[in-house]
Amino acid sequence: MTKPKQKARVLVVDDEASARSGLEKLLRQEGYEVEAADGGASALSLREEKTFDVVVTDLKMPGMDGVELMRKLKELDRDLPVIVVTAFSDVSSAVGAMRAGAEDYLTKPVDFDALTLAIDRALERRDLRVEAEGLRRQLRERDGAGLEGMIGTSPAMQKIYRVARQVASARATVLITGESGTGKGELARAIHARSPRAAHPFISVHCSALAETLLESELFGHEKGSFTGADRKRIGRFEQADGGTLFLDEIGEISPAIQIKLLRVLQEREFERVGGNERVKVDVRLIAATNRDLAADVQEGRFREDLYYRLNVIQIEMPPLRVREGDILLLAQHFLRKFAEEAHKRIEGFTDKGRAKLLSYRWPGNVRELENAIERAVVLCDSNLIDDEHLPFGSAPVAKGGGPRIPGSTMAEIERHAILATLEAVGGSTSKAAEMLDISVRTIQYRLHEYGLASKK
């Protein structure tokens, strides 16, 4: 098998100059592409500008230790292998780092042959994980379950997948709308992964998380000395995404000044860095997302009309979770597997009461709220099934009469409430509930199957 190290990009992080330069030199001689950083902060700065295949970091460093650095790196790329290096007397800390997600650990002085073997094994394991995830995605797509890892079989999501497949190959700008927590960022990644740009970077920026001056520098970069604290040139997200896709989340929150610069980039495909005069040309596909009504913002003068039409070439609206009833238990089971594995717990599923509670809630926070609810439930669960008492939310919002909100509920929600409330009143007997509701037993059993609930004759 050909070793991957000839193409591997390695980041070496160590506050000791001699150890850092020694590893850098030896790894270069072995054919690796190597960058070196003298600490966690400088390593993260390098990661902003470049991508790496593996990181080799000292465990004990001032300011930011190896474990904290690893966690921050994993937030940027969960599949990035990290190998920690520590003194022989501090092996217990290295074991802790392994539990926190490190791929391997070595003791000082580093055996170079052991290091190259650890790097190659880490890269092989990473490639296997990526390949396995790719196969799982293909199986889900073959069965109609999702697109590029997205989860959902409901008609609303199948429509989203069809549109996403159609637009993926185009260069046209896409505007993804919908409530917070519906998965707009996941859809943007799926479109990129399906596009001809998939081999190039996907860069994401949360526009509302940064002040105007910081956002401008984040998007377009800056020249050295352009403002206080700009001690070096920094390339922005547009340059980082060159050849790939730039995803701007919460685009409706950007200021008028940023709107003007963004419009120019979309029109001319070039810009200047903050404090610079050089024109930088880029080839970037833009995908934007918002939970705001941008058309209304245009009417009220809060958003530029010309920019809106530039962004809104293709619009996709993500459906809220409350209209994706068939996906709730599917997503809940997915999150359960994920968090149970992380917590090293054997939790197999949900009780009938747990499923009923999941299905009766309206999920105002959508998929993100469901994910948080399942994570909390896994922490609280002390058995092999999650019960209703482990789920943190109350019952679904109801009107004064005890039913679902009217107006505000779909016919499917009203029907579900009628069936479940009647079943509860008659002790779960489908025959008695069918008689009261003037529908067939088969209809009730079919609906209970849709809801993921067991029925009682």
Protein backbone atom coordinates (compact mmCIF):
# COMPACT_ATOMS: atom_id res chain seq x y z
CA MET A 1 0.00 0.00 0.00
CA THR A 2 1.34 3.43 -0.94
CA LYS A 3 2.04 5.58 2.08
CA PRO A 4 0.06 8.81 2.20
CA LYS A 5 2.88 10.83 3.72
CA GLN A 6 4.19 12.10 0.37
CA LYS A 7 1.13 14.31 0.09
CA ALA A 8 0.39 14.83 3.76
CA ARG A 9 0.40 18.37 5.18
CA VAL A 10 1.56 18.33 8.79
CA LEU A 11 1.29 21.11 11.36
CA VAL A 12 3.87 20.88 14.17
CA VAL A 13 3.05 22.81 17.36
CA ASP A 14 5.61 23.17 20.16
CA ASP A 15 6.69 26.11 22.31
CA GLU A 16 10.25 24.77 22.47
CA ALA A 17 12.11 26.10 19.42
CA SER A 18 14.66 23.27 19.23
CA ALA A 19 12.04 20.52 19.40
CA ARG A 20 9.84 22.33 16.90
CA SER A 21 12.59 22.94 14.34
CA GLY A 22 13.97 19.42 14.77
CA LEU A 23 10.65 17.77 14.00
CA GLU A 24 10.01 20.15 11.13
CA LYS A 25 13.35 19.33 9.53
CA LEU A 26 13.03 15.56 9.91
CA LEU A 27 9.45 15.49 8.58
CA ARG A 28 10.41 17.57 5.55
CA GLN A 29 13.22 15.11 4.80
CA GLU A 30 10.64 12.32 4.82
CA GLY A 31 8.56 14.09 2.17
CA TYR A 32 5.88 15.73 4.29
CA GLU A 33 4.73 19.30 3.71
CA VAL A 34 5.32 20.93 7.09
CA GLU A 35 4.29 24.14 8.84
CA ALA A 36 5.33 24.95 12.41
CA ALA A 37 3.73 27.05 15.16
CA ASP A 38 5.12 28.09 18.55
CA GLY A 39 1.80 27.73 20.40
CA GLY A 40 -1.94 27.21 20.21
CA ALA A 41 -2.85 30.74 19.10
CA SER A 42 -0.38 30.78 16.21
CA ALA A 43 -1.48 27.27 15.21
CA LEU A 44 -5.10 28.42 14.95
CA SER A 45 -4.00 31.43 12.89
CA LEU A 46 -2.21 29.11 10.46
CA ARG A 47 -5.30 26.89 10.29
CA GLU A 48 -7.34 29.93 9.25
CA GLU A 49 -5.14 30.34 6.19
CA LYS A 50 -4.36 26.71 5.29
CA THR A 51 -5.69 23.20 5.67
CA PHE A 52 -3.70 20.33 7.20
CA ASP A 53 -3.96 16.54 7.11
CA VAL A 54 -2.60 15.94 10.60
CA VAL A 55 -1.43 17.98 13.62
CA VAL A 56 1.43 16.98 15.94
CA THR A 57 1.28 19.07 19.11
CA ASP A 58 3.08 19.28 22.41
CA LEU A 59 0.72 18.66 25.32
CA LYS A 60 2.09 21.13 27.86
CA MET A 61 2.33 24.66 26.45
CA PRO A 62 1.77 28.10 28.02
CA GLY A 63 -1.47 29.91 27.26
CA MET A 64 -3.26 27.12 25.40
CA ASP A 65 -2.34 23.49 26.04
CA GLY A 66 -2.54 20.71 23.48
CA VAL A 67 -5.97 19.47 24.59
CA GLU A 68 -7.58 22.90 24.26
CA LEU A 69 -5.91 23.39 20.88
CA MET A 70 -7.20 20.00 19.75
CA ARG A 71 -10.76 20.87 20.74
CA LYS A 72 -10.65 24.15 18.83
CA LEU A 73 -9.18 22.42 15.77
CA LYS A 74 -11.88 19.74 15.92
CA GLU A 75 -14.54 22.47 15.87
CA LEU A 76 -13.13 23.53 12.49
CA ASP A 77 -12.61 20.00 11.16
CA ARG A 78 -13.93 17.07 13.18
CA ASP A 79 -11.98 14.56 11.06
CA LEU A 80 -8.58 16.26 11.57
CA PRO A 81 -6.23 13.75 13.32
CA VAL A 82 -4.26 15.18 16.26
CA ILE A 83 -1.22 13.43 17.76
CA VAL A 84 -0.05 14.70 21.15
CA VAL A 85 3.51 14.61 22.46
CA THR A 86 4.26 14.67 26.18
CA ALA A 87 6.97 14.01 28.74
CA PHE A 88 7.25 10.39 29.90
CA SER A 89 6.33 11.43 33.44
CA ASP A 90 2.97 12.84 32.29
CA VAL A 91 1.48 9.85 30.46
CA SER A 92 -1.78 10.17 32.43
CA SER A 93 -2.41 13.53 30.78
CA ALA A 94 -1.79 11.98 27.38
CA VAL A 95 -4.36 9.27 28.14
CA GLY A 96 -6.80 12.05 29.03
CA ALA A 97 -6.05 13.67 25.70
CA MET A 98 -6.84 10.38 23.93
CA ARG A 99 -10.20 10.28 25.67
CA ALA A 100 -10.81 13.86 24.52
CA GLY A 101 -10.27 12.87 20.90
CA ALA A 102 -6.53 12.65 20.21
CA GLU A 103 -5.59 10.05 17.60
CA ASP A 104 -2.39 8.91 19.34
CA TYR A 105 0.28 10.06 21.80
CA LEU A 106 4.07 9.81 21.97
CA THR A 107 6.51 10.48 24.77
CA LYS A 108 9.58 12.73 24.65
CA PRO A 109 12.21 12.37 23.35
CA VAL A 110 10.21 11.48 20.28
CA ASP A 111 11.17 8.32 18.40
CA PHE A 112 10.98 9.57 14.81
CA ASP A 113 10.10 6.18 13.32
CA ALA A 114 7.25 5.87 15.82
CA LEU A 115 6.08 9.36 14.87
CA THR A 116 5.95 8.67 11.12
CA LEU A 117 4.14 5.39 11.81
CA ALA A 118 1.61 7.24 14.03
CA ILE A 119 1.05 9.87 11.31
CA ASP A 120 0.48 7.26 8.61
CA ARG A 121 -1.90 5.27 10.80
CA ALA A 122 -3.82 8.41 11.74
CA LEU A 123 -4.23 9.33 8.07
CA GLU A 124 -5.37 5.81 7.18
CA ARG A 125 -7.96 5.81 9.98
CA ARG A 126 -9.18 9.24 8.89
CA ASP A 127 -9.56 8.05 5.30
CA LEU A 128 -11.48 4.97 6.48
CA ARG A 129 -13.84 7.14 8.56
CA VAL A 130 -14.46 9.47 5.65
CA GLU A 131 -15.00 6.54 3.29
CA ALA A 132 -17.39 4.84 5.72
CA GLU A 133 -19.41 8.04 6.14
CA GLY A 134 -19.53 8.39 2.36
CA LEU A 135 -20.90 4.85 2.03
CA ARG A 136 -23.51 5.51 4.73
CA ARG A 137 -24.58 8.65 2.87
CA GLN A 138 -24.87 6.72 -0.40
CA LEU A 139 -27.05 4.09 1.29
CA ARG A 140 -29.31 6.75 2.79
CA GLU A 141 -29.63 8.43 -0.59
CA ARG A 142 -30.29 5.12 -2.34
CA ASP A 143 -33.15 4.51 0.08
CA GLY A 144 -34.43 8.05 -0.43
CA ALA A 145 -33.58 9.04 3.13
CA GLY A 146 -31.41 12.06 2.56
CA LEU A 147 -28.85 14.06 0.64
CA GLU A 148 -25.14 14.08 1.55
CA GLY A 149 -25.78 13.04 5.13
CA MET A 150 -28.96 15.05 5.70
CA ILE A 151 -31.66 13.06 7.46
CA GLY A 152 -35.34 13.07 6.59
CA THR A 153 -37.82 11.04 4.54
CA SER A 154 -40.80 13.40 4.77
CA PRO A 155 -42.33 14.75 1.54
CA ALA A 156 -41.18 18.26 2.51
CA MET A 157 -37.55 17.13 2.70
CA GLN A 158 -37.75 15.01 -0.46
CA LYS A 159 -38.75 18.18 -2.30
CA ILE A 160 -35.72 19.99 -0.82
CA TYR A 161 -33.41 17.19 -1.97
CA ARG A 162 -34.77 17.31 -5.52
CA VAL A 163 -34.22 21.07 -5.79
CA ALA A 164 -30.75 20.84 -4.23
CA ARG A 165 -29.67 18.19 -6.73
CA GLN A 166 -30.91 20.37 -9.59
CA VAL A 167 -29.09 23.53 -8.50
CA ALA A 168 -25.85 21.90 -7.28
CA SER A 169 -24.17 21.85 -10.70
CA ALA A 170 -24.93 25.54 -11.44
CA ARG A 171 -22.87 28.55 -10.41
CA ALA A 172 -25.97 30.59 -9.53
CA THR A 173 -26.25 32.13 -6.09
CA VAL A 174 -28.61 30.31 -3.72
CA LEU A 175 -30.62 31.94 -0.93
CA ILE A 176 -31.75 29.49 1.75
CA THR A 177 -34.57 30.79 3.93
CA GLY A 178 -36.38 29.33 6.92
CA GLU A 179 -36.66 29.46 10.68
CA SER A 180 -33.61 29.17 12.93
CA GLY A 181 -32.48 25.63 13.56
CA THR A 182 -33.99 24.06 10.44
CA GLY A 183 -30.64 22.99 8.94
CA LYS A 184 -29.86 25.73 6.44
CA GLY A 185 -26.11 25.27 6.92
CA GLU A 186 -26.36 21.49 6.36
CA LEU A 187 -28.23 22.10 3.11
CA ALA A 188 -25.55 24.55 1.96
CA ARG A 189 -22.86 21.92 2.61
CA ALA A 190 -24.88 19.30 0.74
CA ILE A 191 -25.20 21.56 -2.31
CA HIS A 192 -21.45 22.20 -2.25
CA ALA A 193 -20.69 18.48 -1.90
CA ARG A 194 -22.86 17.76 -4.95
CA SER A 195 -21.31 20.55 -7.02
CA PRO A 196 -18.28 20.53 -9.37
CA ARG A 197 -16.57 22.59 -6.64
CA ALA A 198 -16.69 19.76 -4.10
CA ALA A 199 -12.91 19.24 -4.15
CA HIS A 200 -12.37 22.90 -3.24
CA PRO A 201 -13.04 24.64 0.11
CA PHE A 202 -16.42 25.16 1.71
CA ILE A 203 -16.05 28.22 3.94
CA SER A 204 -18.78 29.28 6.38
CA VAL A 205 -19.23 32.70 8.03
CA HIS A 206 -21.90 33.57 10.62
CA CYS A 207 -22.55 37.21 9.75
CA SER A 208 -24.45 38.17 12.92
CA ALA A 209 -21.64 36.94 15.19
CA LEU A 210 -19.22 39.74 14.22
CA ALA A 211 -19.25 43.52 14.43
CA GLU A 212 -19.19 45.43 11.12
CA THR A 213 -15.45 46.19 11.16
CA LEU A 214 -14.55 42.64 12.13
CA LEU A 215 -16.90 41.16 9.53
CA GLU A 216 -15.34 43.26 6.77
CA SER A 217 -11.88 41.97 7.67
CA GLU A 218 -13.24 38.42 8.04
CA LEU A 219 -14.75 38.45 4.56
CA PHE A 220 -12.19 40.44 2.58
CA GLY A 221 -9.00 40.19 4.67
CA HIS A 222 -6.71 43.07 5.58
CA GLU A 223 -3.23 44.39 4.92
CA LYS A 224 -0.59 44.69 7.62
CA GLY A 225 -1.01 47.95 9.57
CA SER A 226 -4.47 48.69 8.17
CA PHE A 227 -5.85 49.09 11.70
CA THR A 228 -4.73 48.73 15.31
CA GLY A 229 -3.76 45.12 15.93
CA ALA A 230 -3.27 44.25 12.25
CA ASP A 231 0.33 43.09 12.74
CA ARG A 232 0.34 40.93 9.60
CA LYS A 233 -1.51 40.51 6.34
CA ARG A 234 -4.55 38.25 6.57
CA ILE A 235 -6.47 36.75 3.70
CA GLY A 236 -10.24 36.79 4.08
CA ARG A 237 -12.91 34.17 3.63
CA PHE A 238 -13.49 35.05 -0.03
CA GLU A 239 -9.86 34.25 -0.86
CA GLN A 240 -9.95 31.10 1.26
CA ALA A 241 -13.01 29.94 -0.66
CA ASP A 242 -11.50 30.60 -4.10
CA GLY A 243 -12.61 27.83 -6.44
CA GLY A 244 -15.13 26.62 -3.87
CA THR A 245 -18.20 27.82 -2.00
CA LEU A 246 -18.68 30.61 0.55
CA PHE A 247 -21.68 30.22 2.86
CA LEU A 248 -22.90 33.43 4.54
CA ASP A 249 -25.30 32.59 7.35
CA GLU A 250 -27.72 35.26 8.64
CA ILE A 251 -27.04 37.46 5.63
CA GLY A 252 -29.90 39.75 6.64
CA GLU A 253 -27.84 41.09 9.56
CA ILE A 254 -25.03 42.71 7.55
CA SER A 255 -24.67 46.50 7.52
CA PRO A 256 -25.32 48.74 4.48
CA ALA A 257 -21.56 49.26 4.01
CA ILE A 258 -20.89 45.53 3.86
CA GLN A 259 -23.88 45.11 1.54
CA ILE A 260 -22.24 47.48 -0.97
CA LYS A 261 -18.91 45.60 -0.91
CA LEU A 262 -20.68 42.26 -1.19
CA LEU A 263 -22.69 43.47 -4.18
CA ARG A 264 -19.48 44.51 -5.93
CA VAL A 265 -17.90 41.10 -5.40
CA LEU A 266 -20.97 39.39 -6.86
CA GLN A 267 -20.97 41.73 -9.86
CA GLU A 268 -17.24 41.98 -10.58
CA ARG A 269 -15.79 38.95 -8.77
CA GLU A 270 -13.05 41.09 -7.27
CA PHE A 271 -12.41 43.24 -4.19
CA GLU A 272 -9.69 45.00 -2.16
CA ARG A 273 -8.52 43.89 1.25
CA VAL A 274 -9.11 46.30 4.12
CA GLY A 275 -6.35 48.92 3.96
CA GLY A 276 -5.17 47.82 0.53
CA ASN A 277 -5.39 48.95 -3.09
CA GLU A 278 -4.62 45.70 -4.88
CA ARG A 279 -7.60 44.13 -6.62
CA VAL A 280 -8.05 40.49 -5.70
CA LYS A 281 -9.94 38.30 -8.18
CA VAL A 282 -11.81 35.25 -6.92
CA ASP A 283 -13.97 32.48 -8.31
CA VAL A 284 -16.48 31.75 -5.56
CA ARG A 285 -20.00 30.40 -5.51
CA LEU A 286 -22.05 32.17 -2.86
CA ILE A 287 -24.77 30.52 -0.81
CA ALA A 288 -26.56 32.75 1.71
CA ALA A 289 -29.08 31.97 4.42
CA THR A 290 -31.45 33.99 6.58
CA ASN A 291 -34.39 33.57 8.93
CA ARG A 292 -35.57 37.09 8.09
CA ASP A 293 -38.07 38.19 5.45
CA LEU A 294 -35.58 39.92 3.17
CA ALA A 295 -38.29 41.05 0.76
CA ALA A 296 -39.93 42.96 3.63
CA ASP A 297 -36.54 44.35 4.67
CA VAL A 298 -36.09 45.64 1.11
CA GLN A 299 -39.49 47.36 1.23
CA GLU A 300 -38.59 48.99 4.55
CA GLY A 301 -35.14 50.13 3.35
CA ARG A 302 -33.08 47.85 5.60
CA PHE A 303 -31.64 45.75 2.78
CA ARG A 304 -30.47 46.75 -0.70
CA GLU A 305 -32.87 45.74 -3.44
CA ASP A 306 -30.09 45.13 -5.99
CA LEU A 307 -28.21 42.88 -3.58
CA TYR A 308 -31.40 40.99 -2.73
CA TYR A 309 -31.99 40.11 -6.38
CA ARG A 310 -28.32 39.11 -6.77
CA LEU A 311 -28.66 36.75 -3.82
CA ASN A 312 -32.13 35.45 -4.63
CA VAL A 313 -31.34 33.85 -7.99
CA ILE A 314 -32.49 30.49 -6.58
CA GLN A 315 -34.43 30.38 -3.32
CA ILE A 316 -34.92 27.27 -1.21
CA GLU A 317 -37.07 27.43 1.92
CA MET A 318 -36.22 24.91 4.63
CA PRO A 319 -39.38 23.50 6.25
CA PRO A 320 -39.82 23.76 10.04
CA LEU A 321 -39.71 20.51 11.98
CA ARG A 322 -43.41 20.75 12.92
CA VAL A 323 -44.37 20.03 9.29
CA ARG A 324 -41.91 17.12 9.11
CA GLU A 325 -43.74 14.79 11.50
CA GLY A 326 -42.33 11.66 9.92
CA ASP A 327 -38.76 12.88 10.49
CA ILE A 328 -38.95 13.62 14.23
CA LEU A 329 -38.32 10.08 15.47
CA LEU A 330 -35.81 9.44 12.68
CA LEU A 331 -33.77 12.48 13.73
CA ALA A 332 -34.20 11.68 17.43
CA GLN A 333 -32.80 8.17 16.90
CA HIS A 334 -29.87 9.58 14.91
CA PHE A 335 -29.00 12.05 17.68
CA LEU A 336 -29.46 9.32 20.29
CA ARG A 337 -26.87 7.09 18.59
CA LYS A 338 -24.47 10.02 18.28
CA PHE A 339 -24.64 11.21 21.90
CA ALA A 340 -24.87 7.73 23.43
CA GLU A 341 -21.67 6.76 21.64
CA GLU A 342 -19.93 9.92 22.83
CA ALA A 343 -21.07 9.29 26.43
CA HIS A 344 -20.18 5.55 26.22
CA LYS A 345 -23.75 4.61 27.16
CA ARG A 346 -25.85 1.71 25.88
CA ILE A 347 -29.19 3.39 25.17
CA GLU A 348 -31.28 1.57 22.60
CA GLY A 349 -34.21 3.89 21.99
CA PHE A 350 -37.29 5.52 23.50
CA THR A 351 -40.21 4.32 25.58
CA ASP A 352 -43.75 4.76 24.22
CA LYS A 353 -44.17 7.77 26.52
CA GLY A 354 -40.88 9.21 25.30
CA ARG A 355 -41.90 8.85 21.65
CA ALA A 356 -45.32 10.32 22.34
CA LYS A 357 -43.75 13.35 24.01
CA LEU A 358 -41.39 13.88 21.09
CA LEU A 359 -44.28 13.73 18.63
CA SER A 360 -46.66 15.97 20.58
CA TYR A 361 -44.23 18.90 20.89
CA ARG A 362 -44.21 21.69 18.27
CA TRP A 363 -40.40 22.21 18.27
CA PRO A 364 -40.17 26.00 17.93
CA GLY A 365 -36.37 25.65 17.85
CA ASN A 366 -36.62 23.00 15.11
CA VAL A 367 -33.87 20.41 14.52
CA ARG A 368 -31.36 22.27 16.69
CA GLU A 369 -33.76 22.18 19.66
CA LEU A 370 -34.39 18.47 19.09
CA GLU A 371 -30.65 17.78 19.03
CA ASN A 372 -30.14 19.66 22.31
CA ALA A 373 -33.09 17.84 23.89
CA ILE A 374 -31.69 14.42 22.99
CA GLU A 375 -28.21 15.35 24.22
CA ARG A 376 -29.67 16.33 27.60
CA ALA A 377 -31.81 13.19 27.71
CA VAL A 378 -28.76 10.98 27.13
CA VAL A 379 -26.99 12.65 30.05
CA LEU A 380 -29.98 12.13 32.37
CA CYS A 381 -30.91 8.62 31.22
CA ASP A 382 -29.83 5.82 33.58
CA SER A 383 -31.46 2.94 31.70
CA ASN A 384 -31.44 1.53 28.16
CA LEU A 385 -34.48 3.56 27.05
CA ILE A 386 -35.17 7.30 27.17
CA ASP A 387 -38.46 8.06 28.92
CA ASP A 388 -40.61 11.19 28.86
CA GLU A 389 -39.12 12.34 32.17
CA HIS A 390 -35.67 12.58 30.54
CA LEU A 391 -36.90 15.04 27.92
CA PRO A 392 -36.54 18.66 29.06
CA PHE A 393 -39.54 20.32 27.40
CA GLY A 394 -43.16 20.53 28.47
CA SER A 395 -46.16 19.44 26.49
CA ALA A 396 -47.10 21.06 23.22
CA PRO A 397 -48.62 24.56 23.41
CA VAL A 398 -52.41 24.23 23.54
CA ALA A 399 -55.36 26.56 23.41
CA LYS A 400 -57.63 27.20 26.37
CA GLY A 401 -59.93 24.39 25.29
CA GLY A 402 -57.09 21.83 25.66
CA GLY A 403 -56.51 21.21 21.94
CA PRO A 404 -53.79 22.36 19.56
CA ARG A 405 -53.45 26.06 18.74
CA ILE A 406 -56.09 27.25 16.29
CA PRO A 407 -55.13 29.10 14.20
CA GLY A 408 -51.53 27.96 14.12
CA SER A 409 -51.79 24.18 13.70
CA THR A 410 -51.93 22.06 10.57
CA MET A 411 -54.76 19.59 9.88
CA ALA A 412 -52.31 16.77 10.49
CA GLU A 413 -51.52 18.17 13.96
CA ILE A 414 -55.21 18.55 14.78
CA GLU A 415 -55.89 14.96 13.64
CA ARG A 416 -52.96 13.65 15.67
CA HIS A 417 -54.16 15.43 18.80
CA ALA A 418 -57.67 14.05 18.34
CA ILE A 419 -56.45 10.48 17.92
CA LEU A 420 -53.93 10.52 20.79
CA ALA A 421 -56.25 12.34 23.22
CA THR A 422 -59.11 9.93 22.46
CA LEU A 423 -56.85 6.89 22.85
CA GLU A 424 -55.71 8.20 26.21
CA ALA A 425 -59.32 8.71 27.30
CA VAL A 426 -60.31 5.11 26.40
CA GLY A 427 -57.23 3.46 27.85
CA GLY A 428 -55.53 2.88 24.52
CA SER A 429 -58.27 0.81 22.86
CA THR A 430 -58.19 1.47 19.10
CA SER A 431 -61.67 -0.02 18.62
CA LYS A 432 -63.27 2.31 21.18
CA ALA A 433 -61.34 5.32 19.83
CA ALA A 434 -62.41 4.48 16.28
CA GLU A 435 -66.05 4.33 17.37
CA MET A 436 -65.85 7.71 19.13
CA LEU A 437 -64.04 9.39 16.21
CA ASP A 438 -66.23 7.72 13.57
CA ILE A 439 -63.23 6.37 11.65
CA SER A 440 -61.93 2.85 11.05
CA VAL A 441 -59.62 0.95 13.37
CA ARG A 442 -57.29 0.48 10.41
CA THR A 443 -56.99 4.27 10.02
CA ILE A 444 -56.02 4.67 13.67
CA GLN A 445 -53.49 1.85 13.47
CA TYR A 446 -52.01 3.35 10.31
CA ARG A 447 -51.71 6.76 11.94
CA LEU A 448 -50.10 5.24 15.06
CA HIS A 449 -47.59 3.51 12.81
CA GLU A 450 -46.81 6.90 11.22
CA TYR A 451 -46.36 8.41 14.69
CA GLY A 452 -44.01 5.60 15.72
CA LEU A 453 -46.32 4.42 18.52
CA ALA A 454 -47.43 0.92 19.41
CA SER A 455 -51.20 0.27 19.34
CA LYS A 456 -53.45 -1.83 21.57
CA LYS A 457 -56.47 -3.69 20.16
